[in-house]
């Protein structure tokens, strides 16, 4: 019997507990918070992450796939359903507003969510290999970018020229290179062959051009952590993450890290990587994606098992907070901090199928 997938979020009031400094006891009190679980697309309060959703391929599994903030609210992109706004005035009364449209979102995989002026842009695609329906069964076809206007709850499609001419192609990868330039990886699968194509969109001018695969890959622009020689709060934080997640007894061979830094709420990500020598030949390799955010001069990250690390210029130590404990097979996948509240998405370690 396959184990169902758990997924939802945790809301924490950060000001309710002081950070732990190095000279203090290693036993730190966990922050109070509220657990929520996804049930039929809606967030329900629960005492602990113990309920479940029916198992599906991870590409269409009901899960929090992306987070963003806009107008002092946190927005959550929920696979298969749509976008949800979360307005938090207190832990006792968080307000969810659902912008759901099954015709658009059902059986599609969400990859990105970011604000654009008074709207939110969402990238999604149909995964041909891991799905529960066929592409021709979709009521709406030929979409990859959609725009939500929260003020009137309206979705509008952003149809790219390449997609207008080739509606059967799916944009399986998306990268926001800067505020105005979006890169797309297109895929077409058939019984005879699989083909790929790459385009660059100037979003403001709505001009699109074909590019080569190398430009697409180079635009991820991963910088090696080992090449960051200058002392900085960011380097200090990444070093602490490496010390925490890479046990010394592993010989630094089996665990690699991708650091994904979001500065402000631009939707543009700076990327860093750490691959230990011998990682490619490790017997049980493991790759962690670590989200980081920058608030003012501070850098903050949330580790998969619920340790929140924060540092800033002039600080000689890293502040450490601990989220409430959870089952061993659950990890935190992403987080945002808004008005002193932390919203963290979580799910099972292993995806279904």
C-alpha atoms as a PDB file:
ATOM      1  CA  UNK A   1       0.000   0.000   0.000  1.00  0.00           C
ATOM      2  CA  UNK A   2       1.431   3.356  -1.003  1.00  0.00           C
ATOM      3  CA  UNK A   3       1.800   5.934   1.705  1.00  0.00           C
ATOM      4  CA  UNK A   4      -0.225   9.152   1.155  1.00  0.00           C
ATOM      5  CA  UNK A   5       1.560  12.443   0.810  1.00  0.00           C
ATOM      6  CA  UNK A   6       1.278  15.027   3.557  1.00  0.00           C
ATOM      7  CA  UNK A   7       1.554  18.673   2.614  1.00  0.00           C
ATOM      8  CA  UNK A   8       0.582  22.085   3.968  1.00  0.00           C
ATOM      9  CA  UNK A   9       2.118  24.845   6.051  1.00  0.00           C
ATOM     10  CA  UNK A  10       3.054  26.121   9.489  1.00  0.00           C
ATOM     11  CA  UNK A  11       2.537  29.681  10.746  1.00  0.00           C
ATOM     12  CA  UNK A  12       4.912  30.997  13.422  1.00  0.00           C
ATOM     13  CA  UNK A  13       4.966  34.256  15.401  1.00  0.00           C
ATOM     14  CA  UNK A  14       8.679  35.069  15.464  1.00  0.00           C
ATOM     15  CA  UNK A  15       8.573  37.665  18.252  1.00  0.00           C
ATOM     16  CA  UNK A  16       7.333  35.117  20.791  1.00  0.00           C
ATOM     17  CA  UNK A  17      10.757  33.639  21.485  1.00  0.00           C
ATOM     18  CA  UNK A  18      14.204  35.181  21.810  1.00  0.00           C
ATOM     19  CA  UNK A  19      17.067  33.899  19.649  1.00  0.00           C
ATOM     20  CA  UNK A  20      19.668  31.591  21.123  1.00  0.00           C
ATOM     21  CA  UNK A  21      23.215  32.913  21.395  1.00  0.00           C
ATOM     22  CA  UNK A  22      26.269  30.631  21.449  1.00  0.00           C
ATOM     23  CA  UNK A  23      26.860  30.975  25.180  1.00  0.00           C
ATOM     24  CA  UNK A  24      23.329  29.896  25.983  1.00  0.00           C
ATOM     25  CA  UNK A  25      22.210  26.337  26.552  1.00  0.00           C
ATOM     26  CA  UNK A  26      22.013  24.200  23.388  1.00  0.00           C
ATOM     27  CA  UNK A  27      18.505  23.219  24.468  1.00  0.00           C
ATOM     28  CA  UNK A  28      16.345  25.926  22.872  1.00  0.00           C
ATOM     29  CA  UNK A  29      12.621  26.212  23.328  1.00  0.00           C
ATOM     30  CA  UNK A  30      10.639  25.652  20.128  1.00  0.00           C
ATOM     31  CA  UNK A  31       8.564  28.507  18.761  1.00  0.00           C
ATOM     32  CA  UNK A  32       4.791  28.256  19.130  1.00  0.00           C
ATOM     33  CA  UNK A  33       2.821  28.022  15.926  1.00  0.00           C
ATOM     34  CA  UNK A  34      -0.165  26.582  14.087  1.00  0.00           C
ATOM     35  CA  UNK A  35      -0.124  23.612  11.740  1.00  0.00           C
ATOM     36  CA  UNK A  36      -2.343  23.488   8.662  1.00  0.00           C
ATOM     37  CA  UNK A  37      -2.924  20.643   6.244  1.00  0.00           C
ATOM     38  CA  UNK A  38      -4.345  20.638   2.729  1.00  0.00           C
ATOM     39  CA  UNK A  39      -7.665  18.845   2.456  1.00  0.00           C
ATOM     40  CA  UNK A  40      -9.527  19.122  -0.856  1.00  0.00           C
ATOM     41  CA  UNK A  41      -7.531  22.247  -1.626  1.00  0.00           C
ATOM     42  CA  UNK A  42      -8.389  24.041   1.615  1.00  0.00           C
ATOM     43  CA  UNK A  43      -6.121  24.691   4.574  1.00  0.00           C
ATOM     44  CA  UNK A  44      -7.458  23.117   7.759  1.00  0.00           C
ATOM     45  CA  UNK A  45      -5.990  23.647  11.200  1.00  0.00           C
ATOM     46  CA  UNK A  46      -4.564  20.506  12.789  1.00  0.00           C
ATOM     47  CA  UNK A  47      -2.729  19.655  15.994  1.00  0.00           C
ATOM     48  CA  UNK A  48       0.166  18.024  14.116  1.00  0.00           C
ATOM     49  CA  UNK A  49       1.005  16.891  10.566  1.00  0.00           C
ATOM     50  CA  UNK A  50      -0.902  13.613  10.705  1.00  0.00           C
ATOM     51  CA  UNK A  51      -3.740  13.845   8.158  1.00  0.00           C
ATOM     52  CA  UNK A  52      -3.196  13.062   4.488  1.00  0.00           C
ATOM     53  CA  UNK A  53      -4.287  13.610   0.915  1.00  0.00           C
ATOM     54  CA  UNK A  54      -4.909  10.861  -1.673  1.00  0.00           C
ATOM     55  CA  UNK A  55      -1.663   9.771  -3.377  1.00  0.00           C
ATOM     56  CA  UNK A  56      -0.980  11.024  -6.910  1.00  0.00           C
ATOM     57  CA  UNK A  57       2.135  11.584  -9.041  1.00  0.00           C
ATOM     58  CA  UNK A  58       4.123  14.381  -7.387  1.00  0.00           C
ATOM     59  CA  UNK A  59       3.676  16.589 -10.464  1.00  0.00           C
ATOM     60  CA  UNK A  60      -0.049  16.940  -9.781  1.00  0.00           C
ATOM     61  CA  UNK A  61      -0.058  16.206  -6.054  1.00  0.00           C
ATOM     62  CA  UNK A  62      -1.963  18.732  -3.957  1.00  0.00           C
ATOM     63  CA  UNK A  63       0.939  20.594  -2.342  1.00  0.00           C
ATOM     64  CA  UNK A  64       2.271  24.101  -1.743  1.00  0.00           C
ATOM     65  CA  UNK A  65       4.486  24.448  -4.812  1.00  0.00           C
ATOM     66  CA  UNK A  66       5.574  28.105  -4.466  1.00  0.00           C
ATOM     67  CA  UNK A  67       5.303  31.101  -2.128  1.00  0.00           C
ATOM     68  CA  UNK A  68       5.457  34.850  -2.639  1.00  0.00           C
ATOM     69  CA  UNK A  69       4.401  38.072  -0.910  1.00  0.00           C
ATOM     70  CA  UNK A  70       2.424  41.024  -2.173  1.00  0.00           C
ATOM     71  CA  UNK A  71       0.546  43.874  -0.474  1.00  0.00           C
ATOM     72  CA  UNK A  72       1.510  42.594   3.016  1.00  0.00           C
ATOM     73  CA  UNK A  73       0.011  39.174   2.322  1.00  0.00           C
ATOM     74  CA  UNK A  74       1.607  35.805   1.662  1.00  0.00           C
ATOM     75  CA  UNK A  75       0.459  34.064  -1.511  1.00  0.00           C
ATOM     76  CA  UNK A  76       0.616  30.292  -1.869  1.00  0.00           C
ATOM     77  CA  UNK A  77       0.508  28.411  -5.181  1.00  0.00           C
ATOM     78  CA  UNK A  78      -1.273  25.088  -4.614  1.00  0.00           C
ATOM     79  CA  UNK A  79      -0.799  22.378  -7.216  1.00  0.00           C
ATOM     80  CA  UNK A  80      -4.030  21.361  -8.914  1.00  0.00           C
ATOM     81  CA  UNK A  81      -6.076  24.211  -7.442  1.00  0.00           C
ATOM     82  CA  UNK A  82      -4.652  27.702  -7.863  1.00  0.00           C
ATOM     83  CA  UNK A  83      -3.436  30.570  -5.703  1.00  0.00           C
ATOM     84  CA  UNK A  84      -4.328  31.362  -2.083  1.00  0.00           C
ATOM     85  CA  UNK A  85      -3.720  34.603  -0.189  1.00  0.00           C
ATOM     86  CA  UNK A  86      -2.942  34.480   3.517  1.00  0.00           C
ATOM     87  CA  UNK A  87      -3.536  37.553   5.680  1.00  0.00           C
ATOM     88  CA  UNK A  88      -2.137  37.128   9.202  1.00  0.00           C
ATOM     89  CA  UNK A  89      -3.131  39.492  11.975  1.00  0.00           C
ATOM     90  CA  UNK A  90      -2.747  36.908  14.724  1.00  0.00           C
ATOM     91  CA  UNK A  91      -1.998  33.209  15.100  1.00  0.00           C
ATOM     92  CA  UNK A  92      -5.561  32.615  16.252  1.00  0.00           C
ATOM     93  CA  UNK A  93      -7.233  34.042  13.155  1.00  0.00           C
ATOM     94  CA  UNK A  94      -5.284  33.742   9.881  1.00  0.00           C
ATOM     95  CA  UNK A  95      -7.441  34.614   6.875  1.00  0.00           C
ATOM     96  CA  UNK A  96      -7.273  32.491   3.710  1.00  0.00           C
ATOM     97  CA  UNK A  97      -8.739  33.728   0.417  1.00  0.00           C
ATOM     98  CA  UNK A  98      -8.916  31.180  -2.387  1.00  0.00           C
ATOM     99  CA  UNK A  99      -8.386  32.123  -6.037  1.00  0.00           C
ATOM    100  CA  UNK A 100      -9.076  28.676  -7.463  1.00  0.00           C
ATOM    101  CA  UNK A 101      -9.802  27.653 -11.044  1.00  0.00           C
ATOM    102  CA  UNK A 102      -9.719  23.877 -11.706  1.00  0.00           C
ATOM    103  CA  UNK A 103      -9.936  24.338 -15.481  1.00  0.00           C
ATOM    104  CA  UNK A 104      -6.569  26.105 -15.401  1.00  0.00           C
ATOM    105  CA  UNK A 105      -4.700  24.319 -12.626  1.00  0.00           C
ATOM    106  CA  UNK A 106      -5.962  20.744 -12.476  1.00  0.00           C
ATOM    107  CA  UNK A 107      -3.333  18.250 -13.702  1.00  0.00           C
ATOM    108  CA  UNK A 108      -0.719  20.972 -14.148  1.00  0.00           C
ATOM    109  CA  UNK A 109       2.512  21.488 -12.209  1.00  0.00           C
ATOM    110  CA  UNK A 110       3.267  24.924 -10.727  1.00  0.00           C
ATOM    111  CA  UNK A 111       6.935  25.954 -10.724  1.00  0.00           C
ATOM    112  CA  UNK A 112       7.042  29.708  -9.981  1.00  0.00           C
ATOM    113  CA  UNK A 113       5.027  32.506  -8.396  1.00  0.00           C
ATOM    114  CA  UNK A 114       6.110  36.153  -8.172  1.00  0.00           C
ATOM    115  CA  UNK A 115       4.531  39.643  -8.036  1.00  0.00           C
ATOM    116  CA  UNK A 116       4.369  42.068 -10.935  1.00  0.00           C
ATOM    117  CA  UNK A 117       3.075  45.496  -9.913  1.00  0.00           C
ATOM    118  CA  UNK A 118      -0.489  44.834  -8.654  1.00  0.00           C
ATOM    119  CA  UNK A 119      -0.667  41.285 -10.015  1.00  0.00           C
ATOM    120  CA  UNK A 120       0.958  37.889  -9.498  1.00  0.00           C
ATOM    121  CA  UNK A 121       2.488  35.829 -12.302  1.00  0.00           C
ATOM    122  CA  UNK A 122       2.454  32.036 -12.130  1.00  0.00           C
ATOM    123  CA  UNK A 123       4.311  29.560 -14.360  1.00  0.00           C
ATOM    124  CA  UNK A 124       2.860  26.080 -14.785  1.00  0.00           C
ATOM    125  CA  UNK A 125       2.992  23.206 -17.247  1.00  0.00           C
ATOM    126  CA  UNK A 126       1.498  19.818 -18.076  1.00  0.00           C
ATOM    127  CA  UNK A 127       3.814  16.879 -17.325  1.00  0.00           C
ATOM    128  CA  UNK A 128       3.188  14.283 -20.016  1.00  0.00           C
ATOM    129  CA  UNK A 129       5.010  11.389 -18.337  1.00  0.00           C
ATOM    130  CA  UNK A 130       3.805  11.785 -14.742  1.00  0.00           C
ATOM    131  CA  UNK A 131       0.102  12.511 -14.848  1.00  0.00           C
ATOM    132  CA  UNK A 132      -3.351  11.038 -14.406  1.00  0.00           C
ATOM    133  CA  UNK A 133      -4.839  12.266 -17.716  1.00  0.00           C
ATOM    134  CA  UNK A 134      -3.716  12.757 -21.312  1.00  0.00           C
ATOM    135  CA  UNK A 135      -2.798  16.182 -22.671  1.00  0.00           C
ATOM    136  CA  UNK A 136      -5.696  16.112 -25.132  1.00  0.00           C
ATOM    137  CA  UNK A 137      -8.101  15.703 -22.191  1.00  0.00           C
ATOM    138  CA  UNK A 138      -7.329  19.192 -20.841  1.00  0.00           C
ATOM    139  CA  UNK A 139     -10.174  21.674 -21.234  1.00  0.00           C
ATOM    140  CA  UNK A 140      -7.661  24.517 -21.676  1.00  0.00           C
ATOM    141  CA  UNK A 141      -4.464  23.919 -23.645  1.00  0.00           C
ATOM    142  CA  UNK A 142      -1.498  25.992 -24.742  1.00  0.00           C
ATOM    143  CA  UNK A 143      -0.818  27.980 -21.546  1.00  0.00           C
ATOM    144  CA  UNK A 144       2.342  28.428 -19.480  1.00  0.00           C
ATOM    145  CA  UNK A 145       2.124  31.881 -17.876  1.00  0.00           C
ATOM    146  CA  UNK A 146      -0.951  33.219 -16.123  1.00  0.00           C
ATOM    147  CA  UNK A 147      -1.532  36.479 -14.285  1.00  0.00           C
ATOM    148  CA  UNK A 148      -3.775  36.858 -11.234  1.00  0.00           C
ATOM    149  CA  UNK A 149      -5.425  40.191 -10.446  1.00  0.00           C
ATOM    150  CA  UNK A 150      -6.235  39.716  -6.726  1.00  0.00           C
ATOM    151  CA  UNK A 151      -8.366  42.855  -6.566  1.00  0.00           C
ATOM    152  CA  UNK A 152     -11.017  41.299  -8.827  1.00  0.00           C
ATOM    153  CA  UNK A 153     -10.078  37.579  -8.636  1.00  0.00           C
ATOM    154  CA  UNK A 154      -9.483  37.377 -12.391  1.00  0.00           C
ATOM    155  CA  UNK A 155      -6.885  35.234 -14.164  1.00  0.00           C
ATOM    156  CA  UNK A 156      -5.523  36.275 -17.542  1.00  0.00           C
ATOM    157  CA  UNK A 157      -3.326  34.219 -19.862  1.00  0.00           C
ATOM    158  CA  UNK A 158       0.034  35.449 -21.156  1.00  0.00           C
ATOM    159  CA  UNK A 159       0.351  33.591 -24.456  1.00  0.00           C
ATOM    160  CA  UNK A 160       3.850  33.582 -25.920  1.00  0.00           C
ATOM    161  CA  UNK A 161       4.318  33.697 -29.709  1.00  0.00           C
ATOM    162  CA  UNK A 162       6.086  30.315 -29.729  1.00  0.00           C
ATOM    163  CA  UNK A 163       3.274  28.717 -27.758  1.00  0.00           C
ATOM    164  CA  UNK A 164       0.604  30.321 -29.917  1.00  0.00           C
ATOM    165  CA  UNK A 165       2.204  28.678 -32.946  1.00  0.00           C
ATOM    166  CA  UNK A 166       2.974  25.398 -31.129  1.00  0.00           C
ATOM    167  CA  UNK A 167       0.210  24.771 -28.552  1.00  0.00           C
ATOM    168  CA  UNK A 168       1.207  21.120 -28.159  1.00  0.00           C
ATOM    169  CA  UNK A 169       4.625  22.083 -26.725  1.00  0.00           C
ATOM    170  CA  UNK A 170       4.915  22.443 -22.929  1.00  0.00           C
ATOM    171  CA  UNK A 171       7.181  24.866 -21.073  1.00  0.00           C
ATOM    172  CA  UNK A 172       8.736  22.357 -18.672  1.00  0.00           C
ATOM    173  CA  UNK A 173      11.286  24.813 -17.217  1.00  0.00           C
ATOM    174  CA  UNK A 174      11.117  28.532 -16.518  1.00  0.00           C
ATOM    175  CA  UNK A 175      13.748  31.001 -15.367  1.00  0.00           C
ATOM    176  CA  UNK A 176      13.375  34.685 -14.552  1.00  0.00           C
ATOM    177  CA  UNK A 177      16.778  36.034 -15.534  1.00  0.00           C
ATOM    178  CA  UNK A 178      16.002  39.573 -14.394  1.00  0.00           C
ATOM    179  CA  UNK A 179      12.976  41.804 -13.881  1.00  0.00           C
ATOM    180  CA  UNK A 180      12.056  41.842 -17.571  1.00  0.00           C
ATOM    181  CA  UNK A 181      13.641  38.749 -19.154  1.00  0.00           C
ATOM    182  CA  UNK A 182      12.080  35.291 -18.893  1.00  0.00           C
ATOM    183  CA  UNK A 183      13.656  32.105 -20.265  1.00  0.00           C
ATOM    184  CA  UNK A 184      11.624  29.050 -21.271  1.00  0.00           C
ATOM    185  CA  UNK A 185      12.530  25.439 -21.974  1.00  0.00           C
ATOM    186  CA  UNK A 186       9.918  23.878 -24.270  1.00  0.00           C
ATOM    187  CA  UNK A 187       9.384  20.151 -24.664  1.00  0.00           C
ATOM    188  CA  UNK A 188       7.419  18.113 -27.177  1.00  0.00           C
ATOM    189  CA  UNK A 189       6.979  14.381 -26.564  1.00  0.00           C
ATOM    190  CA  UNK A 190       5.637  11.806 -28.968  1.00  0.00           C
ATOM    191  CA  UNK A 191       5.946   8.053 -29.448  1.00  0.00           C
ATOM    192  CA  UNK A 192       8.705   8.681 -32.006  1.00  0.00           C
ATOM    193  CA  UNK A 193      10.853  11.343 -30.347  1.00  0.00           C
ATOM    194  CA  UNK A 194      11.277  14.032 -27.693  1.00  0.00           C
ATOM    195  CA  UNK A 195      12.334  17.515 -28.783  1.00  0.00           C
ATOM    196  CA  UNK A 196      13.379  20.649 -26.889  1.00  0.00           C
ATOM    197  CA  UNK A 197      13.377  24.329 -27.795  1.00  0.00           C
ATOM    198  CA  UNK A 198      14.464  27.449 -25.883  1.00  0.00           C
ATOM    199  CA  UNK A 199      13.144  31.005 -26.029  1.00  0.00           C
ATOM    200  CA  UNK A 200      13.834  34.330 -24.317  1.00  0.00           C
ATOM    201  CA  UNK A 201      10.921  36.682 -23.645  1.00  0.00           C
ATOM    202  CA  UNK A 202      11.257  40.404 -23.008  1.00  0.00           C
ATOM    203  CA  UNK A 203       8.200  40.654 -20.805  1.00  0.00           C
ATOM    204  CA  UNK A 204       7.721  44.438 -20.936  1.00  0.00           C
ATOM    205  CA  UNK A 205       8.040  44.629 -24.707  1.00  0.00           C
ATOM    206  CA  UNK A 206       6.374  41.237 -25.291  1.00  0.00           C
ATOM    207  CA  UNK A 207       9.121  40.256 -27.724  1.00  0.00           C
ATOM    208  CA  UNK A 208      10.326  36.661 -27.927  1.00  0.00           C
ATOM    209  CA  UNK A 209      13.358  35.133 -29.618  1.00  0.00           C
ATOM    210  CA  UNK A 210      14.794  31.633 -29.903  1.00  0.00           C
ATOM    211  CA  UNK A 211      18.034  30.977 -28.012  1.00  0.00           C
ATOM    212  CA  UNK A 212      20.329  27.989 -27.615  1.00  0.00           C
ATOM    213  CA  UNK A 213      20.373  25.544 -24.728  1.00  0.00           C
ATOM    214  CA  UNK A 214      23.734  26.784 -23.471  1.00  0.00           C
ATOM    215  CA  UNK A 215      22.367  30.279 -22.822  1.00  0.00           C
ATOM    216  CA  UNK A 216      19.450  28.778 -20.911  1.00  0.00           C
ATOM    217  CA  UNK A 217      21.741  26.678 -18.697  1.00  0.00           C
ATOM    218  CA  UNK A 218      24.287  29.453 -18.147  1.00  0.00           C
ATOM    219  CA  UNK A 219      21.529  31.820 -17.037  1.00  0.00           C
ATOM    220  CA  UNK A 220      21.049  29.808 -13.850  1.00  0.00           C
ATOM    221  CA  UNK A 221      24.468  31.279 -12.975  1.00  0.00           C
ATOM    222  CA  UNK A 222      25.387  29.069 -10.028  1.00  0.00           C
ATOM    223  CA  UNK A 223      28.377  30.452  -8.136  1.00  0.00           C
ATOM    224  CA  UNK A 224      30.556  28.045  -6.196  1.00  0.00           C
ATOM    225  CA  UNK A 225      30.439  28.618  -2.458  1.00  0.00           C
ATOM    226  CA  UNK A 226      34.161  27.840  -2.287  1.00  0.00           C
ATOM    227  CA  UNK A 227      34.865  30.780  -4.623  1.00  0.00           C
ATOM    228  CA  UNK A 228      33.283  33.308  -2.238  1.00  0.00           C
ATOM    229  CA  UNK A 229      36.447  34.405  -0.477  1.00  0.00           C
ATOM    230  CA  UNK A 230      35.299  37.731   0.909  1.00  0.00           C
ATOM    231  CA  UNK A 231      33.997  37.596   4.505  1.00  0.00           C
ATOM    232  CA  UNK A 232      30.316  38.428   4.636  1.00  0.00           C
ATOM    233  CA  UNK A 233      27.153  37.591   6.532  1.00  0.00           C
ATOM    234  CA  UNK A 234      25.970  35.507   3.587  1.00  0.00           C
ATOM    235  CA  UNK A 235      29.136  33.393   3.544  1.00  0.00           C
ATOM    236  CA  UNK A 236      28.938  32.978   7.322  1.00  0.00           C
ATOM    237  CA  UNK A 237      25.366  31.736   7.036  1.00  0.00           C
ATOM    238  CA  UNK A 238      26.140  29.298   4.220  1.00  0.00           C
ATOM    239  CA  UNK A 239      29.087  27.906   6.159  1.00  0.00           C
ATOM    240  CA  UNK A 240      26.817  27.273   9.154  1.00  0.00           C
ATOM    241  CA  UNK A 241      24.332  25.464   6.903  1.00  0.00           C
ATOM    242  CA  UNK A 242      27.134  23.281   5.530  1.00  0.00           C
ATOM    243  CA  UNK A 243      28.355  22.451   9.034  1.00  0.00           C
ATOM    244  CA  UNK A 244      24.817  21.477  10.048  1.00  0.00           C
ATOM    245  CA  UNK A 245      23.752  19.426   7.031  1.00  0.00           C
ATOM    246  CA  UNK A 246      27.020  17.736   6.064  1.00  0.00           C
ATOM    247  CA  UNK A 247      28.137  15.369   8.837  1.00  0.00           C
ATOM    248  CA  UNK A 248      31.903  15.157   9.223  1.00  0.00           C
ATOM    249  CA  UNK A 249      31.769  11.353   9.236  1.00  0.00           C
ATOM    250  CA  UNK A 250      30.532  11.386   5.629  1.00  0.00           C
ATOM    251  CA  UNK A 251      33.884  12.680   4.509  1.00  0.00           C
ATOM    252  CA  UNK A 252      32.073  15.496   2.682  1.00  0.00           C
ATOM    253  CA  UNK A 253      31.307  13.227  -0.279  1.00  0.00           C
ATOM    254  CA  UNK A 254      27.612  12.399  -0.344  1.00  0.00           C
ATOM    255  CA  UNK A 255      25.810  15.692   0.409  1.00  0.00           C
ATOM    256  CA  UNK A 256      25.570  18.640  -1.993  1.00  0.00           C
ATOM    257  CA  UNK A 257      23.820  21.975  -1.475  1.00  0.00           C
ATOM    258  CA  UNK A 258      22.060  24.465  -3.728  1.00  0.00           C
ATOM    259  CA  UNK A 259      21.489  27.851  -2.078  1.00  0.00           C
ATOM    260  CA  UNK A 260      18.644  29.883  -3.612  1.00  0.00           C
ATOM    261  CA  UNK A 261      18.703  33.521  -2.490  1.00  0.00           C
ATOM    262  CA  UNK A 262      15.702  35.808  -2.979  1.00  0.00           C
ATOM    263  CA  UNK A 263      16.440  39.479  -2.415  1.00  0.00           C
ATOM    264  CA  UNK A 264      13.322  41.465  -1.616  1.00  0.00           C
ATOM    265  CA  UNK A 265      10.364  40.184  -3.613  1.00  0.00           C
ATOM    266  CA  UNK A 266      11.611  40.606  -7.174  1.00  0.00           C
ATOM    267  CA  UNK A 267      11.186  36.989  -8.198  1.00  0.00           C
ATOM    268  CA  UNK A 268      14.837  36.961  -9.323  1.00  0.00           C
ATOM    269  CA  UNK A 269      16.982  34.313  -7.628  1.00  0.00           C
ATOM    270  CA  UNK A 270      20.727  34.312  -7.014  1.00  0.00           C
ATOM    271  CA  UNK A 271      22.139  30.791  -6.916  1.00  0.00           C
ATOM    272  CA  UNK A 272      25.115  29.217  -5.171  1.00  0.00           C
ATOM    273  CA  UNK A 273      26.286  25.611  -5.102  1.00  0.00           C
ATOM    274  CA  UNK A 274      28.463  23.310  -3.058  1.00  0.00           C
ATOM    275  CA  UNK A 275      29.500  19.926  -4.453  1.00  0.00           C
ATOM    276  CA  UNK A 276      32.081  18.010  -2.418  1.00  0.00           C
ATOM    277  CA  UNK A 277      34.903  16.139  -4.155  1.00  0.00           C
ATOM    278  CA  UNK A 278      33.737  12.637  -5.022  1.00  0.00           C
ATOM    279  CA  UNK A 279      30.025  13.509  -4.962  1.00  0.00           C
ATOM    280  CA  UNK A 280      29.395  12.031  -8.424  1.00  0.00           C
ATOM    281  CA  UNK A 281      30.635   8.627  -7.230  1.00  0.00           C
ATOM    282  CA  UNK A 282      28.966   8.673  -3.791  1.00  0.00           C
ATOM    283  CA  UNK A 283      26.863   5.584  -3.037  1.00  0.00           C
ATOM    284  CA  UNK A 284      23.944   7.548  -1.571  1.00  0.00           C
ATOM    285  CA  UNK A 285      24.166  11.115  -2.920  1.00  0.00           C
ATOM    286  CA  UNK A 286      21.827  13.712  -1.464  1.00  0.00           C
ATOM    287  CA  UNK A 287      21.091  17.220  -2.762  1.00  0.00           C
ATOM    288  CA  UNK A 288      19.443  19.859  -0.568  1.00  0.00           C
ATOM    289  CA  UNK A 289      17.816  22.995  -1.984  1.00  0.00           C
ATOM    290  CA  UNK A 290      18.196  25.684   0.679  1.00  0.00           C
ATOM    291  CA  UNK A 291      16.044  28.806   0.388  1.00  0.00           C
ATOM    292  CA  UNK A 292      17.515  32.067   1.675  1.00  0.00           C
ATOM    293  CA  UNK A 293      15.900  35.465   1.912  1.00  0.00           C
ATOM    294  CA  UNK A 294      17.408  38.899   2.482  1.00  0.00           C
ATOM    295  CA  UNK A 295      15.577  41.365   4.714  1.00  0.00           C
ATOM    296  CA  UNK A 296      17.366  44.675   5.033  1.00  0.00           C
ATOM    297  CA  UNK A 297      20.948  43.681   5.817  1.00  0.00           C
ATOM    298  CA  UNK A 298      19.995  40.325   7.323  1.00  0.00           C
ATOM    299  CA  UNK A 299      20.156  36.919   5.648  1.00  0.00           C
ATOM    300  CA  UNK A 300      17.752  34.228   6.840  1.00  0.00           C
ATOM    301  CA  UNK A 301      17.355  30.550   6.019  1.00  0.00           C
ATOM    302  CA  UNK A 302      15.168  27.673   7.175  1.00  0.00           C
ATOM    303  CA  UNK A 303      16.742  24.218   7.222  1.00  0.00           C
ATOM    304  CA  UNK A 304      14.702  21.153   6.212  1.00  0.00           C
ATOM    305  CA  UNK A 305      14.264  19.938   9.792  1.00  0.00           C
ATOM    306  CA  UNK A 306      13.062  23.279  11.152  1.00  0.00           C
ATOM    307  CA  UNK A 307      16.105  25.248  12.301  1.00  0.00           C
ATOM    308  CA  UNK A 308      15.860  28.960  11.436  1.00  0.00           C
ATOM    309  CA  UNK A 309      19.195  30.751  11.050  1.00  0.00           C
ATOM    310  CA  UNK A 310      19.644  34.510  10.798  1.00  0.00           C
ATOM    311  CA  UNK A 311      22.635  36.808  10.592  1.00  0.00           C
ATOM    312  CA  UNK A 312      23.492  40.379   9.655  1.00  0.00           C
ATOM    313  CA  UNK A 313      26.437  42.794   9.345  1.00  0.00           C
ATOM    314  CA  UNK A 314      28.491  43.274  12.464  1.00  0.00           C
ATOM    315  CA  UNK A 315      27.082  40.205  14.207  1.00  0.00           C
ATOM    316  CA  UNK A 316      29.606  37.777  15.613  1.00  0.00           C
ATOM    317  CA  UNK A 317      27.183  34.885  15.861  1.00  0.00           C
ATOM    318  CA  UNK A 318      24.215  33.440  14.027  1.00  0.00           C
ATOM    319  CA  UNK A 319      20.820  33.682  15.671  1.00  0.00           C
ATOM    320  CA  UNK A 320      19.126  30.300  15.944  1.00  0.00           C
ATOM    321  CA  UNK A 321      15.434  29.566  16.389  1.00  0.00           C
ATOM    322  CA  UNK A 322      13.715  26.188  16.331  1.00  0.00           C
ATOM    323  CA  UNK A 323      10.331  25.485  14.797  1.00  0.00           C
ATOM    324  CA  UNK A 324       8.047  22.944  16.502  1.00  0.00           C
ATOM    325  CA  UNK A 325       9.231  19.321  16.137  1.00  0.00           C
ATOM    326  CA  UNK A 326       7.658  17.166  13.445  1.00  0.00           C
ATOM    327  CA  UNK A 327       7.756  13.529  12.273  1.00  0.00           C
ATOM    328  CA  UNK A 328      11.011  12.210  10.832  1.00  0.00           C
ATOM    329  CA  UNK A 329       9.623  11.834   7.298  1.00  0.00           C
ATOM    330  CA  UNK A 330       8.506  15.487   7.040  1.00  0.00           C
ATOM    331  CA  UNK A 331      10.701  18.395   5.900  1.00  0.00           C
ATOM    332  CA  UNK A 332      10.193  22.116   5.366  1.00  0.00           C
ATOM    333  CA  UNK A 333      10.481  23.078   1.690  1.00  0.00           C
ATOM    334  CA  UNK A 334      10.135  26.876   1.559  1.00  0.00           C
ATOM    335  CA  UNK A 335       9.329  29.872   3.740  1.00  0.00           C
ATOM    336  CA  UNK A 336       8.500  33.568   3.808  1.00  0.00           C
ATOM    337  CA  UNK A 337       8.543  36.132   6.587  1.00  0.00           C
ATOM    338  CA  UNK A 338       5.936  38.888   6.575  1.00  0.00           C
ATOM    339  CA  UNK A 339       5.152  41.338   9.405  1.00  0.00           C
ATOM    340  CA  UNK A 340       7.031  39.203  11.955  1.00  0.00           C
ATOM    341  CA  UNK A 341       5.150  36.033  11.013  1.00  0.00           C
ATOM    342  CA  UNK A 342       6.909  33.100   9.394  1.00  0.00           C
ATOM    343  CA  UNK A 343       4.962  30.947   6.938  1.00  0.00           C
ATOM    344  CA  UNK A 344       6.679  27.660   6.091  1.00  0.00           C
ATOM    345  CA  UNK A 345       5.507  24.980   3.676  1.00  0.00           C
ATOM    346  CA  UNK A 346       6.221  21.349   4.491  1.00  0.00           C
ATOM    347  CA  UNK A 347       5.696  17.922   2.940  1.00  0.00           C
ATOM    348  CA  UNK A 348       6.905  14.348   3.049  1.00  0.00           C
ATOM    349  CA  UNK A 349      10.521  13.611   2.221  1.00  0.00           C
ATOM    350  CA  UNK A 350       9.581  11.112  -0.503  1.00  0.00           C
ATOM    351  CA  UNK A 351       7.242  11.974  -3.372  1.00  0.00           C
ATOM    352  CA  UNK A 352       4.684   9.509  -4.684  1.00  0.00           C
ATOM    353  CA  UNK A 353       5.395   7.481  -7.861  1.00  0.00           C
END
